[in-house]
Amino acid sequence: YNIACNVGTVLPMQSARSLHSSDSYSVSSGEITLPSGYFYLLRGGVEAGLPTNTSSFAGLFVKYRFYNTSTSAFIGRRGTLTWQENPLTTGGDDYAIALVDASSSSQTIEFRITDKNGTNILIDNTNYAYYDYAGLSRIEIWKWS
């Protein structure tokens, strides 16, 4: 919680929750290791908050993308979070999406901030009065054999 939002920040995903059967991927220090033998579709979104004394929200944004540390390359489509004029809502939210081929070898993935415009932005900002309603940063992992 309350992670400084800077370009290059790796979101420190803390735990995995399986919604169907049991999965063998692991999460450690922001790295997700996807075991070999499958294709994976990743979908990730960021929750971020601004200080309540922010006077203008025009043009503020955070951009994020998946990074494959196994190949040292960004993958998939970038996502964007933008603010509207009201500090309690966001608009233009867009998930980052990536397809990962781990059919022959395991792959290690990070979820990184790639660009931003604004200061004092906090990811998973618990100081933000309405953070409970916004949901937290998250990644969905879908796998196919």
N, C-alpha and C. Protein backbone atom coordinates (compact mmCIF):
# COMPACT_ATOMS: atom_id res chain seq x y z
N TYR A 1 0.81 -1.19 0.00
CA TYR A 1 0.00 0.00 0.00
C TYR A 1 0.86 1.26 0.00
N ASN A 2 0.30 2.37 -0.50
CA ASN A 2 0.96 3.67 -0.49
C ASN A 2 2.35 3.62 -1.14
N ILE A 3 2.39 3.09 -2.35
CA ILE A 3 3.64 2.93 -3.10
C ILE A 3 3.85 4.18 -3.95
N ALA A 4 5.01 4.80 -3.84
CA ALA A 4 5.32 5.97 -4.67
C ALA A 4 5.27 5.58 -6.14
N CYS A 5 4.52 6.33 -6.91
CA CYS A 5 4.33 6.03 -8.33
C CYS A 5 5.40 6.76 -9.13
N ASN A 6 6.37 6.00 -9.59
CA ASN A 6 7.46 6.54 -10.41
C ASN A 6 7.65 5.66 -11.62
N VAL A 7 8.16 6.24 -12.70
CA VAL A 7 8.47 5.45 -13.88
C VAL A 7 9.51 4.39 -13.48
N GLY A 8 9.23 3.15 -13.83
CA GLY A 8 10.11 2.04 -13.48
C GLY A 8 9.68 1.27 -12.25
N THR A 9 8.74 1.82 -11.47
CA THR A 9 8.25 1.11 -10.28
C THR A 9 7.66 -0.23 -10.69
N VAL A 10 8.06 -1.28 -10.01
CA VAL A 10 7.47 -2.61 -10.19
C VAL A 10 6.42 -2.77 -9.11
N LEU A 11 5.19 -3.05 -9.50
CA LEU A 11 4.15 -3.23 -8.50
C LEU A 11 4.44 -4.49 -7.70
N PRO A 12 4.53 -4.37 -6.38
CA PRO A 12 4.91 -5.51 -5.54
C PRO A 12 3.71 -6.40 -5.21
N MET A 13 3.19 -7.09 -6.23
CA MET A 13 2.06 -7.99 -6.00
C MET A 13 2.42 -8.93 -4.86
N GLN A 14 1.57 -8.99 -3.86
CA GLN A 14 1.94 -9.68 -2.63
C GLN A 14 1.45 -11.11 -2.52
N SER A 15 0.35 -11.43 -3.16
CA SER A 15 -0.17 -12.78 -2.99
C SER A 15 -0.96 -13.20 -4.21
N ALA A 16 -1.14 -14.51 -4.32
CA ALA A 16 -1.91 -15.08 -5.42
C ALA A 16 -3.18 -15.69 -4.84
N ARG A 17 -4.25 -15.55 -5.55
CA ARG A 17 -5.52 -16.14 -5.13
C ARG A 17 -6.09 -16.89 -6.33
N SER A 18 -6.31 -18.18 -6.18
CA SER A 18 -6.82 -19.00 -7.26
C SER A 18 -8.34 -19.03 -7.20
N LEU A 19 -8.98 -18.73 -8.32
CA LEU A 19 -10.42 -18.76 -8.39
C LEU A 19 -10.94 -20.08 -8.95
N HIS A 20 -10.06 -20.88 -9.52
CA HIS A 20 -10.45 -22.17 -10.09
C HIS A 20 -9.31 -23.16 -9.93
N SER A 21 -9.56 -24.25 -9.27
CA SER A 21 -8.57 -25.30 -8.96
C SER A 21 -7.36 -24.70 -8.25
N SER A 22 -6.23 -25.30 -8.42
CA SER A 22 -5.01 -24.76 -7.82
C SER A 22 -3.98 -24.53 -8.91
N ASP A 23 -3.30 -23.43 -8.82
CA ASP A 23 -2.30 -23.08 -9.82
C ASP A 23 -0.92 -23.11 -9.19
N SER A 24 0.07 -23.32 -10.02
CA SER A 24 1.42 -23.45 -9.48
C SER A 24 2.29 -22.24 -9.75
N TYR A 25 1.73 -21.15 -10.25
CA TYR A 25 2.57 -19.96 -10.45
C TYR A 25 2.89 -19.36 -9.09
N SER A 26 3.96 -18.59 -9.03
CA SER A 26 4.37 -18.00 -7.75
C SER A 26 4.52 -16.50 -7.88
N VAL A 27 4.38 -15.81 -6.76
CA VAL A 27 4.52 -14.36 -6.71
C VAL A 27 5.53 -14.04 -5.62
N SER A 28 6.57 -13.28 -5.97
CA SER A 28 7.59 -12.91 -4.99
C SER A 28 8.21 -11.58 -5.38
N SER A 29 8.18 -10.61 -4.48
CA SER A 29 8.79 -9.30 -4.70
C SER A 29 8.38 -8.67 -6.02
N GLY A 30 7.12 -8.81 -6.38
CA GLY A 30 6.64 -8.20 -7.61
C GLY A 30 6.85 -9.03 -8.85
N GLU A 31 7.52 -10.17 -8.74
CA GLU A 31 7.73 -11.03 -9.90
C GLU A 31 6.76 -12.20 -9.87
N ILE A 32 6.14 -12.44 -11.01
CA ILE A 32 5.23 -13.57 -11.17
C ILE A 32 5.94 -14.59 -12.05
N THR A 33 6.14 -15.79 -11.53
CA THR A 33 6.77 -16.85 -12.31
C THR A 33 5.67 -17.78 -12.82
N LEU A 34 5.58 -17.85 -14.15
CA LEU A 34 4.57 -18.67 -14.80
C LEU A 34 5.23 -19.97 -15.25
N PRO A 35 4.77 -21.13 -14.76
CA PRO A 35 5.41 -22.39 -15.10
C PRO A 35 5.24 -22.76 -16.58
N SER A 36 6.15 -23.58 -17.07
CA SER A 36 6.13 -23.99 -18.47
C SER A 36 4.96 -24.96 -18.72
N GLY A 37 4.64 -25.09 -20.01
CA GLY A 37 3.60 -26.01 -20.43
C GLY A 37 2.28 -25.33 -20.76
N TYR A 38 2.23 -24.00 -20.67
CA TYR A 38 0.97 -23.28 -20.87
C TYR A 38 1.18 -21.97 -21.62
N PHE A 39 0.09 -21.46 -22.16
CA PHE A 39 0.00 -20.08 -22.62
C PHE A 39 -0.80 -19.34 -21.56
N TYR A 40 -0.44 -18.07 -21.31
CA TYR A 40 -1.12 -17.28 -20.29
C TYR A 40 -1.59 -15.96 -20.88
N LEU A 41 -2.77 -15.55 -20.48
CA LEU A 41 -3.26 -14.21 -20.79
C LEU A 41 -3.28 -13.43 -19.49
N LEU A 42 -2.57 -12.31 -19.46
CA LEU A 42 -2.48 -11.47 -18.26
C LEU A 42 -3.26 -10.18 -18.50
N ARG A 43 -4.00 -9.77 -17.48
CA ARG A 43 -4.75 -8.52 -17.55
C ARG A 43 -4.54 -7.81 -16.22
N GLY A 44 -3.98 -6.59 -16.27
CA GLY A 44 -3.65 -5.88 -15.04
C GLY A 44 -4.14 -4.45 -15.03
N GLY A 45 -4.52 -4.00 -13.84
CA GLY A 45 -4.96 -2.62 -13.65
C GLY A 45 -4.34 -2.04 -12.40
N VAL A 46 -4.20 -0.73 -12.38
CA VAL A 46 -3.58 -0.02 -11.26
C VAL A 46 -4.62 0.87 -10.59
N GLU A 47 -4.61 0.87 -9.26
CA GLU A 47 -5.39 1.83 -8.49
C GLU A 47 -4.40 2.84 -7.95
N ALA A 48 -4.69 4.11 -8.14
CA ALA A 48 -3.79 5.16 -7.64
C ALA A 48 -4.63 6.34 -7.17
N GLY A 49 -4.09 7.07 -6.21
CA GLY A 49 -4.79 8.22 -5.67
C GLY A 49 -3.89 9.43 -5.60
N LEU A 50 -4.51 10.59 -5.61
CA LEU A 50 -3.82 11.87 -5.54
C LEU A 50 -4.13 12.54 -4.20
N PRO A 51 -3.28 13.44 -3.78
CA PRO A 51 -3.58 14.18 -2.54
C PRO A 51 -4.88 14.97 -2.68
N THR A 52 -5.61 15.10 -1.60
CA THR A 52 -6.90 15.81 -1.64
C THR A 52 -6.75 17.28 -1.97
N ASN A 53 -5.55 17.85 -1.81
CA ASN A 53 -5.36 19.27 -2.12
C ASN A 53 -4.91 19.50 -3.56
N THR A 54 -4.98 18.48 -4.40
CA THR A 54 -4.62 18.64 -5.81
C THR A 54 -5.62 19.59 -6.45
N SER A 55 -5.13 20.64 -7.10
CA SER A 55 -6.03 21.68 -7.61
C SER A 55 -6.53 21.41 -9.02
N SER A 56 -5.78 20.69 -9.82
CA SER A 56 -6.21 20.41 -11.19
C SER A 56 -5.87 18.98 -11.55
N PHE A 57 -6.82 18.32 -12.18
CA PHE A 57 -6.63 16.92 -12.56
C PHE A 57 -6.46 16.75 -14.06
N ALA A 58 -6.55 17.85 -14.78
CA ALA A 58 -6.43 17.80 -16.24
C ALA A 58 -5.06 17.29 -16.65
N GLY A 59 -5.04 16.30 -17.49
CA GLY A 59 -3.78 15.78 -18.04
C GLY A 59 -3.01 14.84 -17.15
N LEU A 60 -3.51 14.53 -15.96
CA LEU A 60 -2.80 13.60 -15.08
C LEU A 60 -3.07 12.16 -15.50
N PHE A 61 -2.02 11.34 -15.50
CA PHE A 61 -2.20 9.94 -15.89
C PHE A 61 -1.09 9.07 -15.31
N VAL A 62 -1.33 7.77 -15.33
CA VAL A 62 -0.33 6.74 -15.03
C VAL A 62 -0.46 5.69 -16.13
N LYS A 63 0.67 5.26 -16.70
CA LYS A 63 0.68 4.21 -17.72
C LYS A 63 1.49 3.03 -17.20
N TYR A 64 1.07 1.83 -17.54
CA TYR A 64 1.69 0.62 -17.01
C TYR A 64 1.66 -0.49 -18.06
N ARG A 65 2.60 -1.44 -17.88
CA ARG A 65 2.73 -2.50 -18.88
C ARG A 65 3.43 -3.70 -18.25
N PHE A 66 3.20 -4.86 -18.82
CA PHE A 66 3.89 -6.06 -18.36
C PHE A 66 5.29 -6.11 -18.95
N TYR A 67 6.22 -6.62 -18.16
CA TYR A 67 7.62 -6.74 -18.57
C TYR A 67 8.06 -8.18 -18.34
N ASN A 68 8.58 -8.81 -19.36
CA ASN A 68 9.06 -10.19 -19.27
C ASN A 68 10.55 -10.16 -18.92
N THR A 69 10.88 -10.50 -17.67
CA THR A 69 12.29 -10.47 -17.27
C THR A 69 13.07 -11.61 -17.92
N SER A 70 12.37 -12.65 -18.37
CA SER A 70 13.04 -13.77 -19.04
C SER A 70 13.58 -13.35 -20.40
N THR A 71 12.89 -12.40 -21.07
CA THR A 71 13.33 -11.92 -22.38
C THR A 71 13.80 -10.47 -22.36
N SER A 72 13.74 -9.82 -21.19
CA SER A 72 14.12 -8.41 -21.04
C SER A 72 13.38 -7.50 -22.01
N ALA A 73 12.05 -7.69 -22.08
CA ALA A 73 11.26 -6.89 -23.02
C ALA A 73 9.86 -6.63 -22.46
N PHE A 74 9.34 -5.43 -22.79
CA PHE A 74 7.94 -5.15 -22.49
C PHE A 74 7.08 -5.98 -23.44
N ILE A 75 5.94 -6.42 -22.95
CA ILE A 75 5.07 -7.26 -23.77
C ILE A 75 3.63 -6.76 -23.68
N GLY A 76 2.87 -7.06 -24.71
CA GLY A 76 1.45 -6.77 -24.70
C GLY A 76 1.12 -5.30 -24.87
N ARG A 77 -0.13 -4.99 -24.54
CA ARG A 77 -0.66 -3.63 -24.68
C ARG A 77 -0.58 -2.90 -23.35
N ARG A 78 -0.17 -1.65 -23.40
CA ARG A 78 -0.06 -0.82 -22.20
C ARG A 78 -1.45 -0.42 -21.72
N GLY A 79 -1.56 -0.21 -20.41
CA GLY A 79 -2.79 0.29 -19.80
C GLY A 79 -2.59 1.71 -19.32
N THR A 80 -3.69 2.43 -19.13
CA THR A 80 -3.63 3.84 -18.72
C THR A 80 -4.72 4.14 -17.70
N LEU A 81 -4.36 4.90 -16.69
CA LEU A 81 -5.30 5.42 -15.71
C LEU A 81 -5.25 6.94 -15.81
N THR A 82 -6.39 7.58 -16.05
CA THR A 82 -6.44 9.04 -16.13
C THR A 82 -7.47 9.57 -15.15
N TRP A 83 -7.28 10.80 -14.71
CA TRP A 83 -8.20 11.42 -13.77
C TRP A 83 -9.13 12.37 -14.49
N GLN A 84 -10.36 12.45 -13.98
CA GLN A 84 -11.32 13.44 -14.45
C GLN A 84 -11.16 14.68 -13.58
N GLU A 85 -12.09 15.60 -13.71
CA GLU A 85 -12.00 16.84 -12.93
C GLU A 85 -12.30 16.61 -11.46
N ASN A 86 -12.97 15.53 -11.12
CA ASN A 86 -13.32 15.24 -9.73
C ASN A 86 -12.26 14.33 -9.13
N PRO A 87 -11.66 14.68 -8.00
CA PRO A 87 -10.60 13.86 -7.44
C PRO A 87 -11.07 12.51 -6.92
N LEU A 88 -12.37 12.31 -6.82
CA LEU A 88 -12.87 11.07 -6.26
C LEU A 88 -13.21 10.03 -7.32
N THR A 89 -13.04 10.38 -8.58
CA THR A 89 -13.31 9.43 -9.65
C THR A 89 -12.16 9.42 -10.64
N THR A 90 -12.09 8.39 -11.41
CA THR A 90 -11.11 8.33 -12.49
C THR A 90 -11.84 8.04 -13.78
N GLY A 91 -11.23 8.34 -14.88
CA GLY A 91 -11.84 8.08 -16.18
C GLY A 91 -10.79 7.60 -17.15
N GLY A 92 -11.21 6.89 -18.16
CA GLY A 92 -10.27 6.41 -19.16
C GLY A 92 -9.43 5.24 -18.69
N ASP A 93 -9.89 4.55 -17.65
CA ASP A 93 -9.14 3.40 -17.16
C ASP A 93 -9.03 2.35 -18.26
N ASP A 94 -7.87 1.80 -18.40
CA ASP A 94 -7.62 0.83 -19.46
C ASP A 94 -6.66 -0.22 -18.92
N TYR A 95 -7.02 -1.47 -19.02
CA TYR A 95 -6.17 -2.55 -18.54
C TYR A 95 -4.98 -2.77 -19.46
N ALA A 96 -3.86 -3.18 -18.87
CA ALA A 96 -2.74 -3.69 -19.64
C ALA A 96 -3.03 -5.16 -19.90
N ILE A 97 -2.75 -5.63 -21.12
CA ILE A 97 -3.03 -7.02 -21.49
C ILE A 97 -1.81 -7.58 -22.20
N ALA A 98 -1.47 -8.84 -21.89
CA ALA A 98 -0.34 -9.50 -22.55
C ALA A 98 -0.60 -10.99 -22.68
N LEU A 99 -0.16 -11.56 -23.77
CA LEU A 99 -0.19 -13.00 -23.98
C LEU A 99 1.24 -13.51 -23.78
N VAL A 100 1.41 -14.51 -22.92
CA VAL A 100 2.74 -15.04 -22.61
C VAL A 100 2.82 -16.49 -23.07
N ASP A 101 3.81 -16.79 -23.89
CA ASP A 101 4.05 -18.17 -24.34
C ASP A 101 5.07 -18.81 -23.41
N ALA A 102 4.57 -19.63 -22.50
CA ALA A 102 5.44 -20.39 -21.61
C ALA A 102 5.33 -21.88 -21.94
N SER A 103 5.00 -22.17 -23.20
CA SER A 103 4.78 -23.56 -23.59
C SER A 103 6.04 -24.41 -23.45
N SER A 104 7.20 -23.81 -23.66
CA SER A 104 8.43 -24.61 -23.58
C SER A 104 9.32 -24.27 -22.40
N SER A 105 9.15 -23.09 -21.81
CA SER A 105 9.94 -22.74 -20.63
C SER A 105 9.17 -21.76 -19.75
N SER A 106 9.44 -21.79 -18.46
CA SER A 106 8.77 -20.86 -17.54
C SER A 106 9.17 -19.42 -17.87
N GLN A 107 8.30 -18.49 -17.54
CA GLN A 107 8.54 -17.08 -17.81
C GLN A 107 8.31 -16.28 -16.53
N THR A 108 9.13 -15.26 -16.32
CA THR A 108 8.99 -14.40 -15.15
C THR A 108 8.55 -13.01 -15.62
N ILE A 109 7.45 -12.53 -15.03
CA ILE A 109 6.80 -11.31 -15.48
C ILE A 109 6.73 -10.30 -14.33
N GLU A 110 6.89 -9.02 -14.66
CA GLU A 110 6.67 -7.92 -13.71
C GLU A 110 5.60 -7.00 -14.29
N PHE A 111 4.97 -6.23 -13.42
CA PHE A 111 3.98 -5.24 -13.82
C PHE A 111 4.57 -3.88 -13.46
N ARG A 112 4.96 -3.09 -14.47
CA ARG A 112 5.74 -1.87 -14.25
C ARG A 112 5.01 -0.60 -14.66
N ILE A 113 5.31 0.47 -13.94
CA ILE A 113 4.88 1.80 -14.34
C ILE A 113 5.82 2.26 -15.44
N THR A 114 5.26 2.66 -16.59
CA THR A 114 6.09 3.06 -17.73
C THR A 114 6.10 4.56 -17.99
N ASP A 115 5.08 5.27 -17.49
CA ASP A 115 5.01 6.72 -17.71
C ASP A 115 4.00 7.30 -16.73
N LYS A 116 4.13 8.56 -16.44
CA LYS A 116 3.16 9.24 -15.57
C LYS A 116 3.25 10.74 -15.78
N ASN A 117 2.16 11.42 -15.44
CA ASN A 117 2.16 12.87 -15.41
C ASN A 117 1.42 13.25 -14.13
N GLY A 118 2.14 13.84 -13.21
CA GLY A 118 1.57 14.23 -11.93
C GLY A 118 2.56 13.96 -10.81
N THR A 119 2.36 14.61 -9.69
CA THR A 119 3.24 14.44 -8.54
C THR A 119 2.45 13.90 -7.36
N ASN A 120 3.17 13.29 -6.45
CA ASN A 120 2.59 12.75 -5.21
C ASN A 120 1.50 11.72 -5.45
N ILE A 121 1.60 11.00 -6.57
CA ILE A 121 0.64 9.92 -6.85
C ILE A 121 1.07 8.70 -6.05
N LEU A 122 0.12 8.08 -5.37
CA LEU A 122 0.40 6.86 -4.62
C LEU A 122 -0.42 5.71 -5.19
N ILE A 123 0.24 4.58 -5.39
CA ILE A 123 -0.44 3.37 -5.85
C ILE A 123 -1.02 2.67 -4.64
N ASP A 124 -2.25 2.18 -4.78
CA ASP A 124 -2.98 1.55 -3.67
C ASP A 124 -2.95 2.47 -2.45
N ASN A 125 -3.42 3.67 -2.68
CA ASN A 125 -3.35 4.78 -1.73
C ASN A 125 -4.40 4.63 -0.63
N THR A 126 -4.00 4.17 0.54
CA THR A 126 -4.94 4.01 1.65
C THR A 126 -5.21 5.34 2.37
N ASN A 127 -4.46 6.39 2.03
CA ASN A 127 -4.72 7.72 2.59
C ASN A 127 -5.88 8.40 1.88
N TYR A 128 -6.20 7.91 0.70
CA TYR A 128 -7.28 8.42 -0.13
C TYR A 128 -8.60 8.02 0.51
N ALA A 129 -9.46 8.97 0.77
CA ALA A 129 -10.67 8.74 1.56
C ALA A 129 -11.58 7.64 1.00
N TYR A 130 -11.57 7.44 -0.31
CA TYR A 130 -12.50 6.50 -0.92
C TYR A 130 -11.80 5.30 -1.56
N TYR A 131 -10.60 4.96 -1.09
CA TYR A 131 -9.85 3.88 -1.75
C TYR A 131 -10.59 2.55 -1.67
N ASP A 132 -11.39 2.34 -0.64
CA ASP A 132 -12.14 1.08 -0.53
C ASP A 132 -13.06 0.86 -1.72
N TYR A 133 -13.55 1.94 -2.31
CA TYR A 133 -14.48 1.83 -3.43
C TYR A 133 -13.77 1.66 -4.77
N ALA A 134 -12.51 2.02 -4.82
CA ALA A 134 -11.78 1.98 -6.08
C ALA A 134 -11.23 0.60 -6.40
N GLY A 135 -11.07 -0.26 -5.41
CA GLY A 135 -10.41 -1.53 -5.64
C GLY A 135 -8.92 -1.31 -5.64
N LEU A 136 -8.18 -2.36 -5.47
CA LEU A 136 -6.72 -2.25 -5.45
C LEU A 136 -6.13 -2.67 -6.79
N SER A 137 -4.84 -2.43 -6.97
CA SER A 137 -4.15 -2.89 -8.17
C SER A 137 -4.29 -4.40 -8.24
N ARG A 138 -4.42 -4.92 -9.47
CA ARG A 138 -4.67 -6.35 -9.60
C ARG A 138 -4.22 -6.87 -10.95
N ILE A 139 -3.96 -8.17 -10.98
CA ILE A 139 -3.63 -8.86 -12.21
C ILE A 139 -4.46 -10.14 -12.27
N GLU A 140 -5.08 -10.36 -13.40
CA GLU A 140 -5.76 -11.64 -13.63
C GLU A 140 -4.86 -12.49 -14.52
N ILE A 141 -4.77 -13.77 -14.20
CA ILE A 141 -3.96 -14.70 -14.98
C ILE A 141 -4.87 -15.81 -15.49
N TRP A 142 -4.94 -15.95 -16.80
CA TRP A 142 -5.71 -17.01 -17.43
C TRP A 142 -4.73 -17.93 -18.14
N LYS A 143 -4.90 -19.24 -18.01
CA LYS A 143 -3.95 -20.15 -18.64
C LYS A 143 -4.65 -21.17 -19.53
N TRP A 144 -3.92 -21.55 -20.60
CA TRP A 144 -4.38 -22.56 -21.54
C TRP A 144 -3.26 -23.55 -21.76
N SER A 145 -3.62 -24.80 -21.92
CA SER A 145 -2.59 -25.82 -22.23
C SER A 145 -2.51 -26.05 -23.72
